[in-house]
C-alpha atoms as a PDB file:
ATOM      1  CA  MET A   1     -73.220  30.920 -44.917  1.00  0.00           C
ATOM      2  CA  LYS A   2     -71.939  30.585 -41.368  1.00  0.00           C
ATOM      3  CA  ILE A   3     -71.598  27.094 -40.030  1.00  0.00           C
ATOM      4  CA  THR A   4     -71.258  25.789 -36.494  1.00  0.00           C
ATOM      5  CA  GLN A   5     -67.937  24.511 -35.254  1.00  0.00           C
ATOM      6  CA  LEU A   6     -67.492  22.635 -31.987  1.00  0.00           C
ATOM      7  CA  SER A   7     -64.176  23.105 -30.155  1.00  0.00           C
ATOM      8  CA  ILE A   8     -63.662  20.243 -27.729  1.00  0.00           C
ATOM      9  CA  GLN A   9     -61.101  20.044 -24.927  1.00  0.00           C
ATOM     10  CA  LEU A  10     -59.574  16.576 -24.624  1.00  0.00           C
ATOM     11  CA  ASP A  11     -56.959  15.273 -22.217  1.00  0.00           C
ATOM     12  CA  ASP A  12     -53.657  14.413 -23.865  1.00  0.00           C
ATOM     13  CA  GLU A  13     -54.143  10.680 -23.448  1.00  0.00           C
ATOM     14  CA  PRO A  14     -54.078   7.894 -26.046  1.00  0.00           C
ATOM     15  CA  GLY A  15     -57.549   6.977 -27.241  1.00  0.00           C
ATOM     16  CA  HIS A  16     -59.440  10.122 -26.181  1.00  0.00           C
ATOM     17  CA  LEU A  17     -59.856  11.425 -29.731  1.00  0.00           C
ATOM     18  CA  CYS A  18     -60.858   7.940 -30.869  1.00  0.00           C
ATOM     19  CA  ALA A  19     -63.480   7.675 -28.099  1.00  0.00           C
ATOM     20  CA  MET A  20     -64.999  11.049 -29.060  1.00  0.00           C
ATOM     21  CA  SER A  21     -65.090  10.057 -32.726  1.00  0.00           C
ATOM     22  CA  GLU A  22     -66.684   6.692 -31.902  1.00  0.00           C
ATOM     23  CA  LEU A  23     -69.325   8.366 -29.727  1.00  0.00           C
ATOM     24  CA  LEU A  24     -70.380  10.617 -32.598  1.00  0.00           C
ATOM     25  CA  GLY A  25     -70.120   7.872 -35.216  1.00  0.00           C
ATOM     26  CA  GLU A  26     -72.287   5.459 -33.248  1.00  0.00           C
ATOM     27  CA  GLU A  27     -75.059   8.086 -33.310  1.00  0.00           C
ATOM     28  CA  GLY A  28     -74.731   8.602 -37.075  1.00  0.00           C
ATOM     29  CA  ILE A  29     -72.946  11.954 -36.817  1.00  0.00           C
ATOM     30  CA  ASN A  30     -70.380  12.485 -39.560  1.00  0.00           C
ATOM     31  CA  ILE A  31     -67.336  14.659 -38.863  1.00  0.00           C
ATOM     32  CA  ARG A  32     -66.856  16.685 -42.061  1.00  0.00           C
ATOM     33  CA  ALA A  33     -63.776  18.642 -40.935  1.00  0.00           C
ATOM     34  CA  VAL A  34     -61.370  18.212 -38.039  1.00  0.00           C
ATOM     35  CA  SER A  35     -58.308  19.935 -36.612  1.00  0.00           C
ATOM     36  CA  ALA A  36     -56.456  18.945 -33.446  1.00  0.00           C
ATOM     37  CA  VAL A  37     -53.806  20.994 -31.675  1.00  0.00           C
ATOM     38  CA  LEU A  38     -51.848  19.806 -28.660  1.00  0.00           C
ATOM     39  CA  SER A  39     -51.287  22.336 -25.876  1.00  0.00           C
ATOM     40  CA  PRO A  40     -49.964  22.078 -22.318  1.00  0.00           C
ATOM     41  CA  LYS A  41     -53.584  21.779 -21.140  1.00  0.00           C
ATOM     42  CA  GLY A  42     -54.394  18.878 -23.489  1.00  0.00           C
ATOM     43  CA  SER A  43     -55.780  18.819 -26.994  1.00  0.00           C
ATOM     44  CA  LEU A  44     -58.114  21.324 -28.584  1.00  0.00           C
ATOM     45  CA  VAL A  45     -60.105  19.637 -31.312  1.00  0.00           C
ATOM     46  CA  HIS A  46     -62.176  21.686 -33.760  1.00  0.00           C
ATOM     47  CA  ILE A  47     -64.854  19.762 -35.659  1.00  0.00           C
ATOM     48  CA  VAL A  48     -67.535  20.571 -38.170  1.00  0.00           C
ATOM     49  CA  ALA A  49     -70.187  17.872 -38.021  1.00  0.00           C
ATOM     50  CA  ASP A  50     -73.086  17.221 -40.362  1.00  0.00           C
ATOM     51  CA  ASN A  51     -75.477  17.617 -37.405  1.00  0.00           C
ATOM     52  CA  PRO A  52     -73.884  20.112 -34.998  1.00  0.00           C
ATOM     53  CA  ALA A  53     -76.918  20.394 -32.705  1.00  0.00           C
ATOM     54  CA  LYS A  54     -77.062  16.636 -32.159  1.00  0.00           C
ATOM     55  CA  ALA A  55     -73.272  16.478 -31.754  1.00  0.00           C
ATOM     56  CA  ALA A  56     -73.348  19.234 -29.122  1.00  0.00           C
ATOM     57  CA  GLU A  57     -76.182  17.555 -27.254  1.00  0.00           C
ATOM     58  CA  LEU A  58     -74.378  14.207 -27.267  1.00  0.00           C
ATOM     59  CA  LEU A  59     -71.000  15.641 -26.267  1.00  0.00           C
ATOM     60  CA  GLY A  60     -72.547  17.647 -23.431  1.00  0.00           C
ATOM     61  CA  ALA A  61     -74.506  14.656 -22.135  1.00  0.00           C
ATOM     62  CA  SER A  62     -71.293  12.610 -22.208  1.00  0.00           C
ATOM     63  CA  GLY A  63     -69.361  15.139 -20.112  1.00  0.00           C
ATOM     64  CA  TYR A  64     -67.161  16.684 -22.809  1.00  0.00           C
ATOM     65  CA  LYS A  65     -66.123  20.321 -22.383  1.00  0.00           C
ATOM     66  CA  PHE A  66     -66.654  22.246 -25.604  1.00  0.00           C
ATOM     67  CA  GLU A  67     -67.568  25.606 -27.089  1.00  0.00           C
ATOM     68  CA  GLU A  68     -69.659  26.395 -30.141  1.00  0.00           C
ATOM     69  CA  SER A  69     -68.565  29.075 -32.599  1.00  0.00           C
ATOM     70  CA  GLN A  70     -69.342  30.162 -36.120  1.00  0.00           C
ATOM     71  CA  VAL A  71     -66.921  29.650 -39.011  1.00  0.00           C
ATOM     72  CA  ILE A  72     -67.128  29.688 -42.793  1.00  0.00           C
ATOM     73  CA  ALA A  73     -66.318  26.979 -45.313  1.00  0.00           C
ATOM     74  CA  VAL A  74     -64.895  28.205 -48.602  1.00  0.00           C
ATOM     75  CA  GLU A  75     -64.108  26.505 -51.867  1.00  0.00           C
ATOM     76  CA  THR A  76     -60.399  26.897 -52.592  1.00  0.00           C
ATOM     77  CA  PRO A  77     -58.615  26.214 -55.887  1.00  0.00           C
ATOM     78  CA  ASP A  78     -56.547  23.044 -55.536  1.00  0.00           C
ATOM     79  CA  HIS A  79     -53.279  23.992 -57.202  1.00  0.00           C
ATOM     80  CA  PRO A  80     -50.009  25.606 -56.079  1.00  0.00           C
ATOM     81  CA  GLY A  81     -50.830  29.056 -54.727  1.00  0.00           C
ATOM     82  CA  GLY A  82     -54.578  28.405 -54.921  1.00  0.00           C
ATOM     83  CA  MET A  83     -55.034  29.226 -51.248  1.00  0.00           C
ATOM     84  CA  ASN A  84     -54.153  32.836 -52.071  1.00  0.00           C
ATOM     85  CA  ALA A  85     -57.475  33.201 -53.892  1.00  0.00           C
ATOM     86  CA  VAL A  86     -59.004  33.126 -50.402  1.00  0.00           C
ATOM     87  CA  MET A  87     -56.208  34.691 -48.364  1.00  0.00           C
ATOM     88  CA  ARG A  88     -55.604  37.758 -50.555  1.00  0.00           C
ATOM     89  CA  PRO A  89     -59.151  39.221 -50.371  1.00  0.00           C
ATOM     90  CA  LEU A  90     -59.172  38.735 -46.601  1.00  0.00           C
ATOM     91  CA  ALA A  91     -55.789  40.459 -46.236  1.00  0.00           C
ATOM     92  CA  ARG A  92     -56.973  43.384 -48.386  1.00  0.00           C
ATOM     93  CA  ALA A  93     -60.090  43.715 -46.229  1.00  0.00           C
ATOM     94  CA  GLY A  94     -58.047  43.679 -43.010  1.00  0.00           C
ATOM     95  CA  ILE A  95     -59.627  40.412 -41.833  1.00  0.00           C
ATOM     96  CA  HIS A  96     -57.525  38.507 -39.316  1.00  0.00           C
ATOM     97  CA  ILE A  97     -57.460  34.754 -39.948  1.00  0.00           C
ATOM     98  CA  ARG A  98     -57.298  33.090 -36.547  1.00  0.00           C
ATOM     99  CA  TYR A  99     -57.016  29.556 -37.941  1.00  0.00           C
ATOM    100  CA  PHE A 100     -57.935  27.419 -40.923  1.00  0.00           C
ATOM    101  CA  TYR A 101     -58.044  23.746 -41.676  1.00  0.00           C
ATOM    102  CA  PRO A 102     -59.204  21.551 -44.542  1.00  0.00           C
ATOM    103  CA  MET A 103     -62.574  19.910 -44.850  1.00  0.00           C
ATOM    104  CA  ILE A 104     -62.677  16.218 -45.642  1.00  0.00           C
ATOM    105  CA  GLY A 105     -63.509  15.823 -49.330  1.00  0.00           C
ATOM    106  CA  SER A 106     -63.638  18.243 -52.241  1.00  0.00           C
ATOM    107  CA  ILE A 107     -66.094  19.958 -54.549  1.00  0.00           C
ATOM    108  CA  LEU A 108     -65.556  19.725 -58.293  1.00  0.00           C
ATOM    109  CA  GLN A 109     -61.844  19.036 -57.711  1.00  0.00           C
ATOM    110  CA  ASN A 110     -61.465  22.109 -55.479  1.00  0.00           C
ATOM    111  CA  ALA A 111     -60.381  21.923 -51.859  1.00  0.00           C
ATOM    112  CA  VAL A 112     -62.582  23.243 -49.058  1.00  0.00           C
ATOM    113  CA  MET A 113     -61.179  25.180 -46.111  1.00  0.00           C
ATOM    114  CA  ILE A 114     -62.775  25.992 -42.786  1.00  0.00           C
ATOM    115  CA  LEU A 115     -61.878  29.528 -41.699  1.00  0.00           C
ATOM    116  CA  GLY A 116     -62.067  31.045 -38.250  1.00  0.00           C
ATOM    117  CA  VAL A 117     -61.764  34.820 -38.621  1.00  0.00           C
ATOM    118  CA  ASP A 118     -62.213  37.891 -36.429  1.00  0.00           C
ATOM    119  CA  ASP A 119     -64.994  39.345 -38.623  1.00  0.00           C
ATOM    120  CA  LEU A 120     -67.237  36.715 -40.240  1.00  0.00           C
ATOM    121  CA  ASP A 121     -69.563  39.185 -41.946  1.00  0.00           C
ATOM    122  CA  GLY A 122     -66.630  41.186 -43.310  1.00  0.00           C
ATOM    123  CA  ALA A 123     -64.951  37.998 -44.542  1.00  0.00           C
ATOM    124  CA  ILE A 124     -68.109  36.842 -46.301  1.00  0.00           C
ATOM    125  CA  LYS A 125     -68.488  40.235 -47.988  1.00  0.00           C
ATOM    126  CA  ALA A 126     -64.809  40.324 -49.084  1.00  0.00           C
ATOM    127  CA  LEU A 127     -64.898  36.774 -50.452  1.00  0.00           C
ATOM    128  CA  LYS A 128     -68.210  37.216 -52.283  1.00  0.00           C
ATOM    129  CA  LYS A 129     -66.799  40.331 -53.946  1.00  0.00           C
ATOM    130  CA  GLU A 130     -64.076  38.065 -55.407  1.00  0.00           C
ATOM    131  CA  TYR A 131     -66.597  35.359 -56.393  1.00  0.00           C
ATOM    132  CA  ILE A 132     -65.249  32.868 -53.851  1.00  0.00           C
ATOM    133  CA  ASN A 133     -67.831  30.145 -53.215  1.00  0.00           C
ATOM    134  CA  ILE A 134     -68.878  30.112 -49.561  1.00  0.00           C
ATOM    135  CA  LEU A 135     -70.585  26.867 -48.651  1.00  0.00           C
ATOM    136  CA  VAL A 136     -73.771  26.600 -46.661  1.00  0.00           C
ATOM    137  CA  ALA A 137     -74.565  23.915 -44.135  1.00  0.00           C
ATOM    138  CA  ARG A 138     -76.835  21.313 -45.642  1.00  0.00           C
ATOM    139  CA  PRO A 139     -79.973  20.444 -43.726  1.00  0.00           C
ATOM    140  CA  VAL A 140     -79.695  17.163 -41.868  1.00  0.00           C
ATOM    141  CA  SER A 141     -82.033  14.445 -43.023  1.00  0.00           C
ATOM    142  CA  GLY A 142     -82.545  10.892 -41.875  1.00  0.00           C
ATOM    143  CA  GLY A 143     -80.136   9.432 -39.340  1.00  0.00           C
ATOM    144  CA  LYS A 144     -80.967   8.134 -35.876  1.00  0.00           C
END
């Protein structure tokens, strides 16, 4: 239910995000979700990769500064107001949403959101109670 997110610090320089993406891509690691936020200290890039352990190993060996954390991926109705199907149960449960961003792709014409919350177990319980589909990380097979 919980999936690993890597939060990478990048300098605010042209090409740094591209270089990180190329590094992962050359090793067969697919970025499934990405969010980048510019701050005075540079860029903070959140990614969900199809092989987070390999991505972390590669990023660390290449000198990138990053942190690992746990997030959830939820199926979200893709229509006006559909996001509330996820937001409302979390608000009722008193779960603080720290950030969210979309996953690349969809499932059965529904969007998928990555959620960083202050209480993962509480969020999972609240969303399951409302029959919200929480995705699981698929095992990695093949690759390099």
